[in-house]
ModelCIF file with pLDDT and N, C-alpha, C, O atoms, coordinates in Angstrom:
data_MODEL
#
_entry.id   MODEL 
#
_entity.id                         1 
_entity.type                       polymer 
_entity.pdbx_number_of_molecules   1 
#
_entity_poly.entity_id                      1 
_entity_poly.type                           'polypeptide(L)' 
_entity_poly.nstd_linkage                   no 
_entity_poly.nstd_monomer                   no 
_entity_poly.pdbx_seq_one_letter_code       VGFLIVQDIVVVLVMILLTAFGTAGQGDNLVA 
_entity_poly.pdbx_seq_one_letter_code_can   VGFLIVQDIVVVLVMILLTAFGTAGQGDNLVA 
_entity_poly.pdbx_strand_id                 A 
#
loop_
_entity_poly_seq.entity_id 
_entity_poly_seq.num 
_entity_poly_seq.mon_id 
_entity_poly_seq.hetero 
1 1  VAL n 
1 2  GLY n 
1 3  PHE n 
1 4  LEU n 
1 5  ILE n 
1 6  VAL n 
1 7  GLN n 
1 8  ASP n 
1 9  ILE n 
1 10 VAL n 
1 11 VAL n 
1 12 VAL n 
1 13 LEU n 
1 14 VAL n 
1 15 MET n 
1 16 ILE n 
1 17 LEU n 
1 18 LEU n 
1 19 THR n 
1 20 ALA n 
1 21 PHE n 
1 22 GLY n 
1 23 THR n 
1 24 ALA n 
1 25 GLY n 
1 26 GLN n 
1 27 GLY n 
1 28 ASP n 
1 29 ASN n 
1 30 LEU n 
1 31 VAL n 
1 32 ALA n 
#
_struct_asym.id          A 
_struct_asym.entity_id   1 
#
loop_
_ma_qa_metric.id 
_ma_qa_metric.mode 
_ma_qa_metric.name 
_ma_qa_metric.software_group_id 
_ma_qa_metric.type 
1 global pLDDT . pLDDT 
2 local  pLDDT . pLDDT 
#
_ma_qa_metric_global.metric_id      1 
_ma_qa_metric_global.metric_value   64.47 
_ma_qa_metric_global.model_id       1 
_ma_qa_metric_global.ordinal_id     1 
#
loop_
_ma_qa_metric_local.label_asym_id 
_ma_qa_metric_local.label_comp_id 
_ma_qa_metric_local.label_seq_id 
_ma_qa_metric_local.metric_id 
_ma_qa_metric_local.metric_value 
_ma_qa_metric_local.model_id 
_ma_qa_metric_local.ordinal_id 
A VAL 1  2 81.00 1 1  
A GLY 2  2 81.00 1 2  
A PHE 3  2 83.00 1 3  
A LEU 4  2 82.00 1 4  
A ILE 5  2 77.00 1 5  
A VAL 6  2 80.00 1 6  
A GLN 7  2 80.00 1 7  
A ASP 8  2 72.00 1 8  
A ILE 9  2 71.00 1 9  
A VAL 10 2 77.00 1 10 
A VAL 11 2 71.00 1 11 
A VAL 12 2 64.00 1 12 
A LEU 13 2 68.00 1 13 
A VAL 14 2 72.00 1 14 
A MET 15 2 63.00 1 15 
A ILE 16 2 58.00 1 16 
A LEU 17 2 64.00 1 17 
A LEU 18 2 63.00 1 18 
A THR 19 2 54.00 1 19 
A ALA 20 2 53.00 1 20 
A PHE 21 2 56.00 1 21 
A GLY 22 2 51.00 1 22 
A THR 23 2 46.00 1 23 
A ALA 24 2 45.00 1 24 
A GLY 25 2 46.00 1 25 
A GLN 26 2 45.00 1 26 
A GLY 27 2 48.00 1 27 
A ASP 28 2 52.00 1 28 
A ASN 29 2 62.00 1 29 
A LEU 30 2 60.00 1 30 
A VAL 31 2 68.00 1 31 
A ALA 32 2 70.00 1 32 
#
loop_
_atom_site.group_PDB 
_atom_site.id 
_atom_site.type_symbol 
_atom_site.label_atom_id 
_atom_site.label_alt_id 
_atom_site.label_comp_id 
_atom_site.label_asym_id 
_atom_site.label_entity_id 
_atom_site.label_seq_id 
_atom_site.pdbx_PDB_ins_code 
_atom_site.Cartn_x 
_atom_site.Cartn_y 
_atom_site.Cartn_z 
_atom_site.occupancy 
_atom_site.B_iso_or_equiv 
_atom_site.pdbx_formal_charge 
_atom_site.auth_seq_id 
_atom_site.auth_comp_id 
_atom_site.auth_asym_id 
_atom_site.auth_atom_id 
_atom_site.pdbx_PDB_model_num 
ATOM 1   N N  . VAL A 1 1  ? 13.392 -15.339 -12.772 1.00 81.00 ? 1  VAL A N  1 
ATOM 2   C CA . VAL A 1 1  ? 14.309 -14.224 -12.989 1.00 81.00 ? 1  VAL A CA 1 
ATOM 3   C C  . VAL A 1 1  ? 13.604 -13.099 -13.730 1.00 81.00 ? 1  VAL A C  1 
ATOM 4   O O  . VAL A 1 1  ? 13.826 -11.924 -13.441 1.00 81.00 ? 1  VAL A O  1 
ATOM 5   N N  . GLY A 1 2  ? 12.753 -13.459 -14.687 1.00 81.00 ? 2  GLY A N  1 
ATOM 6   C CA . GLY A 1 2  ? 12.012 -12.448 -15.437 1.00 81.00 ? 2  GLY A CA 1 
ATOM 7   C C  . GLY A 1 2  ? 11.122 -11.594 -14.564 1.00 81.00 ? 2  GLY A C  1 
ATOM 8   O O  . GLY A 1 2  ? 11.165 -10.366 -14.643 1.00 81.00 ? 2  GLY A O  1 
ATOM 9   N N  . PHE A 1 3  ? 10.295 -12.246 -13.712 1.00 83.00 ? 3  PHE A N  1 
ATOM 10  C CA . PHE A 1 3  ? 9.394  -11.398 -12.916 1.00 83.00 ? 3  PHE A CA 1 
ATOM 11  C C  . PHE A 1 3  ? 10.107 -10.741 -11.733 1.00 83.00 ? 3  PHE A C  1 
ATOM 12  O O  . PHE A 1 3  ? 9.605  -9.757  -11.190 1.00 83.00 ? 3  PHE A O  1 
ATOM 13  N N  . LEU A 1 4  ? 11.258 -11.260 -11.326 1.00 82.00 ? 4  LEU A N  1 
ATOM 14  C CA . LEU A 1 4  ? 12.037 -10.557 -10.309 1.00 82.00 ? 4  LEU A CA 1 
ATOM 15  C C  . LEU A 1 4  ? 12.652 -9.278  -10.877 1.00 82.00 ? 4  LEU A C  1 
ATOM 16  O O  . LEU A 1 4  ? 12.746 -8.269  -10.179 1.00 82.00 ? 4  LEU A O  1 
ATOM 17  N N  . ILE A 1 5  ? 13.070 -9.323  -12.140 1.00 77.00 ? 5  ILE A N  1 
ATOM 18  C CA . ILE A 1 5  ? 13.568 -8.107  -12.790 1.00 77.00 ? 5  ILE A CA 1 
ATOM 19  C C  . ILE A 1 5  ? 12.435 -7.089  -12.935 1.00 77.00 ? 5  ILE A C  1 
ATOM 20  O O  . ILE A 1 5  ? 12.648 -5.890  -12.751 1.00 77.00 ? 5  ILE A O  1 
ATOM 21  N N  . VAL A 1 6  ? 11.225 -7.571  -13.266 1.00 80.00 ? 6  VAL A N  1 
ATOM 22  C CA . VAL A 1 6  ? 10.062 -6.672  -13.322 1.00 80.00 ? 6  VAL A CA 1 
ATOM 23  C C  . VAL A 1 6  ? 9.854  -6.009  -11.963 1.00 80.00 ? 6  VAL A C  1 
ATOM 24  O O  . VAL A 1 6  ? 9.601  -4.807  -11.892 1.00 80.00 ? 6  VAL A O  1 
ATOM 25  N N  . GLN A 1 7  ? 9.958  -6.786  -10.888 1.00 80.00 ? 7  GLN A N  1 
ATOM 26  C CA . GLN A 1 7  ? 9.837  -6.229  -9.543  1.00 80.00 ? 7  GLN A CA 1 
ATOM 27  C C  . GLN A 1 7  ? 10.905 -5.170  -9.283  1.00 80.00 ? 7  GLN A C  1 
ATOM 28  O O  . GLN A 1 7  ? 10.610 -4.126  -8.699  1.00 80.00 ? 7  GLN A O  1 
ATOM 29  N N  . ASP A 1 8  ? 12.141 -5.427  -9.710  1.00 72.00 ? 8  ASP A N  1 
ATOM 30  C CA . ASP A 1 8  ? 13.216 -4.462  -9.492  1.00 72.00 ? 8  ASP A CA 1 
ATOM 31  C C  . ASP A 1 8  ? 12.908 -3.132  -10.179 1.00 72.00 ? 8  ASP A C  1 
ATOM 32  O O  . ASP A 1 8  ? 13.171 -2.060  -9.632  1.00 72.00 ? 8  ASP A O  1 
ATOM 33  N N  . ILE A 1 9  ? 12.349 -3.221  -11.382 1.00 71.00 ? 9  ILE A N  1 
ATOM 34  C CA . ILE A 1 9  ? 11.991 -1.995  -12.097 1.00 71.00 ? 9  ILE A CA 1 
ATOM 35  C C  . ILE A 1 9  ? 10.874 -1.259  -11.360 1.00 71.00 ? 9  ILE A C  1 
ATOM 36  O O  . ILE A 1 9  ? 10.898 -0.033  -11.253 1.00 71.00 ? 9  ILE A O  1 
ATOM 37  N N  . VAL A 1 10 ? 9.896  -2.010  -10.851 1.00 77.00 ? 10 VAL A N  1 
ATOM 38  C CA . VAL A 1 10 ? 8.790  -1.393  -10.113 1.00 77.00 ? 10 VAL A CA 1 
ATOM 39  C C  . VAL A 1 10 ? 9.292  -0.716  -8.843  1.00 77.00 ? 10 VAL A C  1 
ATOM 40  O O  . VAL A 1 10 ? 8.848  0.384   -8.513  1.00 77.00 ? 10 VAL A O  1 
ATOM 41  N N  . VAL A 1 11 ? 10.220 -1.363  -8.125  1.00 71.00 ? 11 VAL A N  1 
ATOM 42  C CA . VAL A 1 11 ? 10.698 -0.772  -6.869  1.00 71.00 ? 11 VAL A CA 1 
ATOM 43  C C  . VAL A 1 11 ? 11.456 0.526   -7.140  1.00 71.00 ? 11 VAL A C  1 
ATOM 44  O O  . VAL A 1 11 ? 11.395 1.459   -6.339  1.00 71.00 ? 11 VAL A O  1 
ATOM 45  N N  . VAL A 1 12 ? 12.164 0.590   -8.260  1.00 64.00 ? 12 VAL A N  1 
ATOM 46  C CA . VAL A 1 12 ? 12.838 1.829   -8.619  1.00 64.00 ? 12 VAL A CA 1 
ATOM 47  C C  . VAL A 1 12 ? 11.810 2.943   -8.824  1.00 64.00 ? 12 VAL A C  1 
ATOM 48  O O  . VAL A 1 12 ? 11.991 4.059   -8.337  1.00 64.00 ? 12 VAL A O  1 
ATOM 49  N N  . LEU A 1 13 ? 10.730 2.632   -9.549  1.00 68.00 ? 13 LEU A N  1 
ATOM 50  C CA . LEU A 1 13 ? 9.679  3.629   -9.779  1.00 68.00 ? 13 LEU A CA 1 
ATOM 51  C C  . LEU A 1 13 ? 9.010  4.048   -8.476  1.00 68.00 ? 13 LEU A C  1 
ATOM 52  O O  . LEU A 1 13 ? 8.690  5.222   -8.288  1.00 68.00 ? 13 LEU A O  1 
ATOM 53  N N  . VAL A 1 14 ? 8.795  3.076   -7.566  1.00 72.00 ? 14 VAL A N  1 
ATOM 54  C CA . VAL A 1 14 ? 8.174  3.390   -6.275  1.00 72.00 ? 14 VAL A CA 1 
ATOM 55  C C  . VAL A 1 14 ? 9.054  4.339   -5.468  1.00 72.00 ? 14 VAL A C  1 
ATOM 56  O O  . VAL A 1 14 ? 8.559  5.298   -4.876  1.00 72.00 ? 14 VAL A O  1 
ATOM 57  N N  . MET A 1 15 ? 10.355 4.071   -5.445  1.00 63.00 ? 15 MET A N  1 
ATOM 58  C CA . MET A 1 15 ? 11.262 4.941   -4.698  1.00 63.00 ? 15 MET A CA 1 
ATOM 59  C C  . MET A 1 15 ? 11.291 6.351   -5.274  1.00 63.00 ? 15 MET A C  1 
ATOM 60  O O  . MET A 1 15 ? 11.366 7.336   -4.540  1.00 63.00 ? 15 MET A O  1 
ATOM 61  N N  . ILE A 1 16 ? 11.231 6.429   -6.600  1.00 58.00 ? 16 ILE A N  1 
ATOM 62  C CA . ILE A 1 16 ? 11.197 7.753   -7.243  1.00 58.00 ? 16 ILE A CA 1 
ATOM 63  C C  . ILE A 1 16 ? 9.917  8.488   -6.848  1.00 58.00 ? 16 ILE A C  1 
ATOM 64  O O  . ILE A 1 16 ? 9.949  9.679   -6.541  1.00 58.00 ? 16 ILE A O  1 
ATOM 65  N N  . LEU A 1 17 ? 8.791  7.771   -6.857  1.00 64.00 ? 17 LEU A N  1 
ATOM 66  C CA . LEU A 1 17 ? 7.525  8.374   -6.458  1.00 64.00 ? 17 LEU A CA 1 
ATOM 67  C C  . LEU A 1 17 ? 7.566  8.870   -5.023  1.00 64.00 ? 17 LEU A C  1 
ATOM 68  O O  . LEU A 1 17 ? 7.144  9.991   -4.737  1.00 64.00 ? 17 LEU A O  1 
ATOM 69  N N  . LEU A 1 18 ? 8.072  8.038   -4.119  1.00 63.00 ? 18 LEU A N  1 
ATOM 70  C CA . LEU A 1 18 ? 8.114  8.414   -2.706  1.00 63.00 ? 18 LEU A CA 1 
ATOM 71  C C  . LEU A 1 18 ? 9.033  9.605   -2.483  1.00 63.00 ? 18 LEU A C  1 
ATOM 72  O O  . LEU A 1 18 ? 8.715  10.506  -1.707  1.00 63.00 ? 18 LEU A O  1 
ATOM 73  N N  . THR A 1 19 ? 10.172 9.607   -3.164  1.00 54.00 ? 19 THR A N  1 
ATOM 74  C CA . THR A 1 19 ? 11.101 10.731  -3.033  1.00 54.00 ? 19 THR A CA 1 
ATOM 75  C C  . THR A 1 19 ? 10.476 12.006  -3.570  1.00 54.00 ? 19 THR A C  1 
ATOM 76  O O  . THR A 1 19 ? 10.628 13.076  -2.982  1.00 54.00 ? 19 THR A O  1 
ATOM 77  N N  . ALA A 1 20 ? 9.767  11.887  -4.698  1.00 53.00 ? 20 ALA A N  1 
ATOM 78  C CA . ALA A 1 20 ? 9.112  13.058  -5.287  1.00 53.00 ? 20 ALA A CA 1 
ATOM 79  C C  . ALA A 1 20 ? 8.038  13.602  -4.361  1.00 53.00 ? 20 ALA A C  1 
ATOM 80  O O  . ALA A 1 20 ? 7.924  14.815  -4.180  1.00 53.00 ? 20 ALA A O  1 
ATOM 81  N N  . PHE A 1 21 ? 7.241  12.699  -3.768  1.00 56.00 ? 21 PHE A N  1 
ATOM 82  C CA . PHE A 1 21 ? 6.213  13.129  -2.824  1.00 56.00 ? 21 PHE A CA 1 
ATOM 83  C C  . PHE A 1 21 ? 6.841  13.784  -1.588  1.00 56.00 ? 21 PHE A C  1 
ATOM 84  O O  . PHE A 1 21 ? 6.326  14.772  -1.064  1.00 56.00 ? 21 PHE A O  1 
ATOM 85  N N  . GLY A 1 22 ? 7.957  13.218  -1.137  1.00 51.00 ? 22 GLY A N  1 
ATOM 86  C CA . GLY A 1 22 ? 8.571  13.713  0.086   1.00 51.00 ? 22 GLY A CA 1 
ATOM 87  C C  . GLY A 1 22 ? 9.276  15.040  -0.088  1.00 51.00 ? 22 GLY A C  1 
ATOM 88  O O  . GLY A 1 22 ? 9.333  15.838  0.848   1.00 51.00 ? 22 GLY A O  1 
ATOM 89  N N  . THR A 1 23 ? 9.817  15.291  -1.276  1.00 46.00 ? 23 THR A N  1 
ATOM 90  C CA . THR A 1 23 ? 10.590 16.511  -1.487  1.00 46.00 ? 23 THR A CA 1 
ATOM 91  C C  . THR A 1 23 ? 9.778  17.621  -2.149  1.00 46.00 ? 23 THR A C  1 
ATOM 92  O O  . THR A 1 23 ? 9.880  18.790  -1.777  1.00 46.00 ? 23 THR A O  1 
ATOM 93  N N  . ALA A 1 24 ? 8.979  17.237  -3.125  1.00 45.00 ? 24 ALA A N  1 
ATOM 94  C CA . ALA A 1 24 ? 8.227  18.258  -3.866  1.00 45.00 ? 24 ALA A CA 1 
ATOM 95  C C  . ALA A 1 24 ? 6.806  18.371  -3.367  1.00 45.00 ? 24 ALA A C  1 
ATOM 96  O O  . ALA A 1 24 ? 6.341  19.447  -2.991  1.00 45.00 ? 24 ALA A O  1 
ATOM 97  N N  . GLY A 1 25 ? 6.112  17.215  -3.371  1.00 46.00 ? 25 GLY A N  1 
ATOM 98  C CA . GLY A 1 25 ? 4.719  17.210  -2.931  1.00 46.00 ? 25 GLY A CA 1 
ATOM 99  C C  . GLY A 1 25 ? 3.778  17.842  -3.920  1.00 46.00 ? 25 GLY A C  1 
ATOM 100 O O  . GLY A 1 25 ? 2.600  18.003  -3.601  1.00 46.00 ? 25 GLY A O  1 
ATOM 101 N N  . GLN A 1 26 ? 4.231  18.216  -5.120  1.00 45.00 ? 26 GLN A N  1 
ATOM 102 C CA . GLN A 1 26 ? 3.410  18.857  -6.129  1.00 45.00 ? 26 GLN A CA 1 
ATOM 103 C C  . GLN A 1 26 ? 3.169  17.900  -7.285  1.00 45.00 ? 26 GLN A C  1 
ATOM 104 O O  . GLN A 1 26 ? 4.101  17.232  -7.735  1.00 45.00 ? 26 GLN A O  1 
ATOM 105 N N  . GLY A 1 27 ? 1.949  17.822  -7.770  1.00 48.00 ? 27 GLY A N  1 
ATOM 106 C CA . GLY A 1 27 ? 1.596  16.923  -8.853  1.00 48.00 ? 27 GLY A CA 1 
ATOM 107 C C  . GLY A 1 27 ? 2.376  17.203  -10.124 1.00 48.00 ? 27 GLY A C  1 
ATOM 108 O O  . GLY A 1 27 ? 2.791  16.276  -10.820 1.00 48.00 ? 27 GLY A O  1 
ATOM 109 N N  . ASP A 1 28 ? 2.582  18.525  -10.440 1.00 52.00 ? 28 ASP A N  1 
ATOM 110 C CA . ASP A 1 28 ? 3.299  18.862  -11.666 1.00 52.00 ? 28 ASP A CA 1 
ATOM 111 C C  . ASP A 1 28 ? 4.729  18.345  -11.617 1.00 52.00 ? 28 ASP A C  1 
ATOM 112 O O  . ASP A 1 28 ? 5.233  17.792  -12.595 1.00 52.00 ? 28 ASP A O  1 
ATOM 113 N N  . ASN A 1 29 ? 5.391  18.531  -10.451 1.00 62.00 ? 29 ASN A N  1 
ATOM 114 C CA . ASN A 1 29 ? 6.759  18.049  -10.321 1.00 62.00 ? 29 ASN A CA 1 
ATOM 115 C C  . ASN A 1 29 ? 6.823  16.540  -10.424 1.00 62.00 ? 29 ASN A C  1 
ATOM 116 O O  . ASN A 1 29 ? 7.784  15.998  -10.970 1.00 62.00 ? 29 ASN A O  1 
ATOM 117 N N  . LEU A 1 30 ? 5.803  15.843  -9.904  1.00 60.00 ? 30 LEU A N  1 
ATOM 118 C CA . LEU A 1 30 ? 5.782  14.387  -9.946  1.00 60.00 ? 30 LEU A CA 1 
ATOM 119 C C  . LEU A 1 30 ? 5.697  13.897  -11.387 1.00 60.00 ? 30 LEU A C  1 
ATOM 120 O O  . LEU A 1 30 ? 6.419  12.982  -11.781 1.00 60.00 ? 30 LEU A O  1 
ATOM 121 N N  . VAL A 1 31 ? 4.815  14.505  -12.168 1.00 68.00 ? 31 VAL A N  1 
ATOM 122 C CA . VAL A 1 31 ? 4.677  14.122  -13.574 1.00 68.00 ? 31 VAL A CA 1 
ATOM 123 C C  . VAL A 1 31 ? 5.979  14.397  -14.330 1.00 68.00 ? 31 VAL A C  1 
ATOM 124 O O  . VAL A 1 31 ? 6.398  13.593  -15.164 1.00 68.00 ? 31 VAL A O  1 
ATOM 125 N N  . ALA A 1 32 ? 6.607  15.520  -14.041 1.00 70.00 ? 32 ALA A N  1 
ATOM 126 C CA . ALA A 1 32 ? 7.871  15.856  -14.702 1.00 70.00 ? 32 ALA A CA 1 
ATOM 127 C C  . ALA A 1 32 ? 8.959  14.855  -14.331 1.00 70.00 ? 32 ALA A C  1 
ATOM 128 O O  . ALA A 1 32 ? 10.093 14.977  -14.794 1.00 70.00 ? 32 ALA A O  1 
#
């Protein structure tokens, strides 16, 4: 359960990254 929760947190970050790349595509916006 512990490492599955870690995975859930990682997948949230991955989706945020992909959405940021897809909509903004700018490094500054990604860091923000």
